[in-house]
Amino acid sequence: RIVFFGDSITYDGRYVANFESWLITQYPDRTFEIVNVGLPSETVSGLTEEGHADGKFDRPYLLDRLAGVLEKTKPDLIFACYGMNCGIYKPFDEDRFARYRAGITNLHNAALKSGARIVHVTPPMYDAMRAGGHVAEYNDVLGRYSAWLLSKRASKWEVVDLHGPMTAEVERRRASNPDFTFAPDGVHPDDAGHWFMAQQFIAYCGDTHAASVGSAQEMLGGNAG
């Protein structure tokens, strides 16, 4: 049983479905149960901004539901992708960064205590060119969060780097197409963005061939053939 934790990007489900499609085609004789428990607006930092959701509710805090979700789902493997909301779309701040680090560490320890293997995922790219009303340097904030998470590999944490490759790929494509984006609103990936996310998961699992194709449809067609 594989459980995906995250915010609205995970809740959307497209990268999770792409990854599940790869599992089914790659391992047809095995049974996988995929559970997506992504929750829109969620953070691991416990922070929220004034007027979030037009003042209707604060951002959900993963640690408020984590123990119950682990008890109900009993995962063998967890993928957890947090960070996009954890800096509250503001300039870098040491206190917010500390809250993010503490939240990720609490998630990590709770997962291990439950008996699950956990793979952390650095946050997707924030595209300031497409986002309105937020700080232009927020992708750099996420870059600092990602660098810390990647540094935990030295402590034997498993970490998939999404932020670095996604940022580099957007920059590469903009060299020939200045309007290119993976996230039309600056935050939420489109179909191509979700496939790019799934590619990083698939590559982490060792299938560089499937991770190199241009779409989920191409991957499925190739396996079917």
Protein backbone atom coordinates (compact mmCIF):
# COMPACT_ATOMS: atom_id res chain seq x y z
CA ARG A 1 0.00 0.00 0.00
CA ILE A 2 1.45 3.31 -1.14
CA VAL A 3 0.08 6.51 0.39
CA PHE A 4 0.65 9.95 -1.12
CA PHE A 5 0.64 12.93 1.25
CA GLY A 6 0.58 16.51 -0.02
CA ASP A 7 -1.41 19.64 -0.72
CA SER A 8 -3.74 20.54 -3.61
CA ILE A 9 -1.15 19.48 -6.20
CA THR A 10 -1.25 15.94 -4.81
CA TYR A 11 -5.01 16.10 -4.23
CA ASP A 12 -5.40 16.85 -7.97
CA GLY A 13 -4.22 13.29 -8.49
CA ARG A 14 -2.83 13.40 -12.00
CA TYR A 15 0.82 12.72 -11.15
CA VAL A 16 -0.32 10.00 -8.74
CA ALA A 17 -2.40 8.38 -11.50
CA ASN A 18 0.54 8.57 -13.91
CA PHE A 19 2.78 6.88 -11.38
CA GLU A 20 0.16 4.22 -10.69
CA SER A 21 -0.17 3.55 -14.42
CA TRP A 22 3.58 2.97 -14.56
CA LEU A 23 3.41 0.55 -11.63
CA ILE A 24 0.61 -1.46 -13.21
CA THR A 25 2.36 -1.77 -16.56
CA GLN A 26 5.81 -2.36 -15.09
CA TYR A 27 4.70 -4.96 -12.55
CA PRO A 28 1.57 -6.66 -13.96
CA ASP A 29 1.88 -9.65 -11.62
CA ARG A 30 1.97 -7.56 -8.45
CA THR A 31 -0.85 -5.82 -6.60
CA PHE A 32 -0.48 -2.22 -5.47
CA GLU A 33 -3.00 -0.21 -3.52
CA ILE A 34 -2.57 3.53 -4.08
CA VAL A 35 -4.13 5.90 -1.56
CA ASN A 36 -4.09 9.65 -2.22
CA VAL A 37 -4.63 11.65 0.98
CA GLY A 38 -3.58 15.03 -0.44
CA LEU A 39 -5.49 17.94 1.07
CA PRO A 40 -5.83 21.36 -0.62
CA SER A 41 -4.11 24.29 1.15
CA GLU A 42 -2.35 22.00 3.64
CA THR A 43 1.05 22.75 5.20
CA VAL A 44 3.48 20.92 7.47
CA SER A 45 4.43 24.25 9.05
CA GLY A 46 1.10 24.98 10.70
CA LEU A 47 1.17 28.49 9.27
CA THR A 48 -1.57 30.38 7.50
CA GLU A 49 -1.92 33.86 6.08
CA GLU A 50 -4.45 36.51 7.01
CA GLY A 51 -7.50 36.29 4.78
CA HIS A 52 -6.73 32.82 3.46
CA ALA A 53 -9.69 31.54 1.42
CA ASP A 54 -11.33 34.95 1.82
CA GLY A 55 -11.22 34.46 5.57
CA LYS A 56 -13.36 31.33 5.49
CA PHE A 57 -10.79 29.00 7.05
CA ASP A 58 -7.12 28.74 7.98
CA ARG A 59 -4.79 26.44 6.11
CA PRO A 60 -5.05 22.83 7.32
CA TYR A 61 -2.09 21.54 9.32
CA LEU A 62 -0.92 18.01 8.50
CA LEU A 63 0.09 17.21 12.07
CA ASP A 64 -3.53 17.65 13.17
CA ARG A 65 -4.58 14.62 11.10
CA LEU A 66 -1.36 12.67 10.59
CA ALA A 67 -1.75 10.08 13.35
CA GLY A 68 -5.31 9.27 12.30
CA VAL A 69 -4.41 8.95 8.63
CA LEU A 70 -1.47 6.65 9.39
CA GLU A 71 -3.69 4.50 11.61
CA LYS A 72 -6.44 4.22 8.99
CA THR A 73 -4.28 3.71 5.89
CA LYS A 74 -1.43 1.62 7.38
CA PRO A 75 0.97 2.40 4.53
CA ASP A 76 3.95 0.31 3.54
CA LEU A 77 5.40 3.24 1.59
CA ILE A 78 4.74 6.98 1.80
CA PHE A 79 5.51 9.69 -0.73
CA ALA A 80 5.20 13.16 0.83
CA CYS A 81 5.37 16.40 -1.16
CA TYR A 82 5.12 19.59 0.91
CA GLY A 83 6.54 23.09 0.79
CA MET A 84 4.54 25.04 -1.77
CA ASN A 85 2.18 26.43 0.87
CA CYS A 86 4.55 26.25 3.83
CA GLY A 87 6.28 29.57 3.16
CA ILE A 88 2.87 31.26 2.86
CA TYR A 89 3.91 32.87 -0.46
CA LYS A 90 6.05 35.45 1.33
CA PRO A 91 9.77 36.36 1.25
CA PHE A 92 12.17 34.06 3.05
CA ASP A 93 11.88 34.14 6.82
CA GLU A 94 13.94 32.10 9.28
CA ASP A 95 10.97 31.40 11.56
CA ARG A 96 8.82 30.10 8.71
CA PHE A 97 11.77 28.00 7.52
CA ALA A 98 12.20 26.55 11.02
CA ARG A 99 8.50 25.68 11.15
CA TYR A 100 8.81 23.87 7.80
CA ARG A 101 11.84 21.89 8.96
CA ALA A 102 10.12 20.92 12.21
CA GLY A 103 6.98 19.83 10.37
CA ILE A 104 8.87 17.67 7.89
CA THR A 105 10.90 16.11 10.71
CA ASN A 106 7.73 15.31 12.68
CA LEU A 107 6.21 13.71 9.57
CA HIS A 108 9.37 11.69 8.97
CA ASN A 109 9.53 10.40 12.52
CA ALA A 110 5.81 9.56 12.65
CA ALA A 111 6.05 7.62 9.39
CA LEU A 112 8.99 5.55 10.62
CA LYS A 113 7.29 4.92 13.96
CA SER A 114 4.26 3.56 12.09
CA GLY A 115 6.50 1.08 10.29
CA ALA A 116 6.30 2.76 6.88
CA ARG A 117 9.11 3.66 4.53
CA ILE A 118 8.91 7.36 3.62
CA VAL A 119 10.21 9.16 0.55
CA HIS A 120 10.14 12.94 0.75
CA VAL A 121 9.69 15.07 -2.37
CA THR A 122 10.94 18.63 -2.79
CA PRO A 123 8.17 21.09 -3.76
CA PRO A 124 7.30 21.84 -7.39
CA MET A 125 8.43 25.04 -9.04
CA TYR A 126 6.61 28.29 -8.28
CA ASP A 127 6.29 30.19 -11.55
CA ALA A 128 6.34 33.89 -10.69
CA MET A 129 5.82 34.80 -14.34
CA ARG A 130 2.34 33.27 -14.20
CA ALA A 131 1.36 33.89 -10.57
CA GLY A 132 -0.41 37.07 -9.58
CA GLY A 133 -0.24 38.89 -6.26
CA HIS A 134 2.64 36.91 -4.76
CA VAL A 135 6.33 37.68 -4.29
CA ALA A 136 8.55 37.20 -7.33
CA GLU A 137 11.30 35.50 -5.30
CA TYR A 138 9.09 32.77 -3.84
CA ASN A 139 10.62 30.09 -6.05
CA ASP A 140 13.96 30.93 -4.43
CA VAL A 141 12.32 30.41 -1.02
CA LEU A 142 11.22 26.97 -2.16
CA GLY A 143 14.74 26.40 -3.44
CA ARG A 144 16.11 26.93 0.06
CA TYR A 145 13.50 24.58 1.51
CA SER A 146 14.45 22.01 -1.12
CA ALA A 147 18.19 22.36 -0.45
CA TRP A 148 17.60 21.59 3.22
CA LEU A 149 15.47 18.57 2.39
CA LEU A 150 18.08 17.27 -0.03
CA SER A 151 20.75 17.72 2.66
CA LYS A 152 18.89 15.13 4.74
CA ARG A 153 20.06 12.46 2.32
CA ALA A 154 23.27 12.55 4.34
CA SER A 155 21.19 11.26 7.26
CA LYS A 156 19.87 8.40 5.10
CA TRP A 157 16.57 10.08 4.28
CA GLU A 158 15.08 9.17 0.92
CA VAL A 159 14.39 12.34 -1.09
CA VAL A 160 13.17 12.84 -4.67
CA ASP A 161 14.27 16.18 -6.09
CA LEU A 162 11.39 17.73 -8.01
CA HIS A 163 12.05 21.42 -7.49
CA GLY A 164 15.51 21.58 -9.10
CA PRO A 165 14.71 19.59 -12.26
CA MET A 166 11.34 21.32 -12.74
CA THR A 167 12.88 24.79 -12.46
CA ALA A 168 15.70 23.83 -14.84
CA GLU A 169 13.28 22.32 -17.38
CA VAL A 170 11.10 25.43 -17.47
CA GLU A 171 14.18 27.61 -17.98
CA ARG A 172 15.40 25.30 -20.75
CA ARG A 173 12.10 25.37 -22.63
CA ARG A 174 11.76 29.12 -22.28
CA ALA A 175 14.96 29.55 -24.24
CA SER A 176 12.96 28.68 -27.36
CA ASN A 177 9.42 29.42 -26.08
CA PRO A 178 9.38 32.39 -23.64
CA ASP A 179 5.75 31.74 -22.70
CA PHE A 180 6.26 28.12 -21.66
CA THR A 181 5.01 27.07 -18.23
CA PHE A 182 4.10 23.93 -16.33
CA ALA A 183 1.70 25.90 -14.10
CA PRO A 184 -0.70 28.34 -15.81
CA ASP A 185 -1.56 29.96 -12.46
CA GLY A 186 2.01 29.80 -11.18
CA VAL A 187 1.29 27.05 -8.64
CA HIS A 188 -0.86 24.20 -9.97
CA PRO A 189 0.71 22.08 -12.72
CA ASP A 190 -1.11 21.29 -15.96
CA ASP A 191 -1.09 17.85 -17.63
CA ALA A 192 2.50 18.29 -18.81
CA GLY A 193 3.56 19.43 -15.35
CA HIS A 194 1.97 16.41 -13.70
CA TRP A 195 3.67 14.10 -16.17
CA PHE A 196 7.00 15.81 -15.43
CA MET A 197 6.37 15.20 -11.74
CA ALA A 198 5.59 11.54 -12.36
CA GLN A 199 8.78 11.23 -14.41
CA GLN A 200 10.84 12.15 -11.34
CA PHE A 201 9.11 9.45 -9.27
CA ILE A 202 9.56 6.86 -12.00
CA ALA A 203 13.22 7.75 -12.44
CA TYR A 204 13.73 7.48 -8.68
CA CYS A 205 12.35 3.95 -8.88
CA GLY A 206 14.98 3.12 -11.49
CA ASP A 207 13.07 3.09 -14.80
CA THR A 208 14.97 5.71 -16.76
CA HIS A 209 13.43 4.57 -20.04
CA ALA A 210 9.81 5.15 -18.99
CA ALA A 211 10.87 8.37 -17.29
CA SER A 212 12.32 9.69 -20.54
CA VAL A 213 9.21 9.52 -22.73
CA GLY A 214 7.13 12.57 -23.50
CA SER A 215 3.80 11.66 -21.91
CA ALA A 216 1.91 9.06 -19.93
CA GLN A 217 0.12 8.03 -23.12
CA GLU A 218 3.45 7.38 -24.83
CA MET A 219 4.64 5.36 -21.84
CA LEU A 220 1.50 3.21 -21.86
CA GLY A 221 1.64 2.75 -25.62
CA GLY A 222 5.24 1.67 -25.43
CA ASN A 223 4.54 -0.88 -22.69
CA ALA A 224 1.47 -2.16 -24.50
CA GLY A 225 3.56 -2.73 -27.60
